[in-house]
Structure formats: structure tokens, C-alpha cells
Protein backbone atom coordinates (compact mmCIF):
# COMPACT_ATOMS: atom_id res chain seq x y z
CA MET A 1 -35.16 72.71 -17.92
CA LEU A 2 -35.50 74.26 -14.49
CA TYR A 3 -34.26 77.59 -13.64
CA TYR A 4 -32.90 78.42 -10.10
CA ASN A 5 -31.82 81.63 -8.46
CA ARG A 6 -28.56 82.10 -6.24
CA SER A 7 -30.51 80.82 -3.18
CA GLY A 8 -31.48 77.57 -4.97
CA LEU A 9 -35.19 78.51 -5.31
CA ALA A 10 -36.84 77.49 -8.54
CA LEU A 11 -37.70 80.34 -10.79
CA GLY A 12 -39.60 78.44 -13.44
CA THR A 13 -39.31 75.75 -16.14
CA ALA A 14 -39.09 75.37 -19.92
CA LYS A 15 -39.71 72.47 -22.24
CA LEU A 16 -36.86 71.77 -24.56
CA MET A 17 -37.87 68.87 -26.67
CA ASP A 18 -39.64 65.48 -26.87
CA VAL A 19 -37.39 62.51 -26.91
CA THR A 20 -37.50 58.59 -26.95
CA PRO A 21 -35.12 56.12 -25.53
CA PHE A 22 -34.54 54.80 -28.93
CA ASP A 23 -33.19 57.83 -30.66
CA PRO A 24 -29.95 59.85 -30.00
CA VAL A 25 -30.46 63.48 -29.07
CA ASN A 26 -28.30 66.37 -29.87
CA LEU A 27 -29.38 69.19 -27.42
CA GLN A 28 -28.04 72.51 -28.70
CA THR A 29 -30.44 75.44 -28.09
CA THR A 30 -30.60 78.85 -26.73
CA VAL A 31 -33.24 79.79 -24.02
CA GLN A 32 -34.37 83.08 -22.57
CA ALA A 33 -33.84 82.43 -18.81
CA PRO A 34 -35.53 84.75 -16.04
CA PRO A 35 -33.13 87.55 -15.15
CA GLU A 36 -32.33 86.18 -11.69
CA THR A 37 -31.24 82.68 -13.03
CA PHE A 38 -28.02 81.51 -11.39
CA ARG A 39 -28.12 77.84 -12.30
CA VAL A 40 -30.05 75.63 -14.85
CA SER A 41 -30.84 71.91 -14.77
CA VAL A 42 -32.00 69.74 -17.54
CA HIS A 43 -34.42 67.04 -16.33
CA LEU A 44 -35.92 64.04 -18.13
CA VAL A 45 -39.80 64.31 -17.30
CA GLU A 46 -42.16 61.48 -18.60
CA LYS A 47 -45.41 62.32 -20.46
CA SER A 48 -47.28 61.40 -17.20
CA GLY A 49 -45.33 64.28 -15.53
CA VAL A 50 -43.00 62.06 -13.44
CA ASP A 51 -39.58 63.84 -13.16
CA ARG A 52 -36.84 61.24 -13.67
CA GLY A 53 -34.23 63.62 -12.44
CA PRO A 54 -31.48 65.77 -13.74
CA LEU A 55 -29.34 64.91 -16.81
CA GLY A 56 -27.10 67.84 -16.20
CA GLU A 57 -26.64 71.15 -14.44
CA THR A 58 -24.56 74.21 -15.02
CA PHE A 59 -24.17 77.78 -13.64
CA VAL A 60 -25.25 80.75 -15.72
CA ASN A 61 -22.62 83.32 -16.68
CA PRO A 62 -23.95 86.72 -17.20
CA PRO A 63 -23.08 88.23 -20.70
CA PRO A 64 -20.18 90.57 -20.69
CA PRO A 65 -21.15 94.27 -20.57
CA GLU A 66 -21.43 96.23 -23.73
CA PRO A 67 -18.16 97.95 -24.63
CA THR A 68 -18.17 101.68 -23.84
CA ARG A 69 -17.51 104.16 -26.69
CA ARG A 70 -15.06 106.90 -25.97
CA TYR A 71 -15.17 110.18 -27.60
CA GLU A 72 -11.70 111.22 -28.68
CA GLY A 73 -12.56 114.57 -30.26
CA ASN A 74 -10.40 117.78 -29.86
């Protein structure tokens, strides 16, 4: 997985899992992205390090803010 900021600059990478062309894959995982991450891209990378390109990309939505608690005392 590759992490990109709003300007499209790469922020870093993370290895998700090893796969083979013979077995189906169910990719369902949570990752800790760098704080400035705007977009993530899942790539297929060979053992030799050759990047075969993106399998998919998506934009990162920031989590909703924590609810504020209101004091309703007299």
C-alpha cells in the first residue's frame, strides 16, 4: 500500500500480505496511515521488488470529530 498526501507526493508504504496467482484473496484490514494521508493505493509488488501497478485506489476520509459534551447543570 502506498500513502499519498493532498499534493500527490508519496508519504510511505506498508506491506499488506503475501499472495499467489493461484489463491483468492480477501483483503480486509485496518492500517495506521501517516497523518497527512489523503489517498491510498494498493499495488501488486513482486518478490523481486517490481511494482506491477495499482489494484485500486481510494481517498481517505478523516474520522468524525469526537462529540462534545455539554454541561447542563443549574
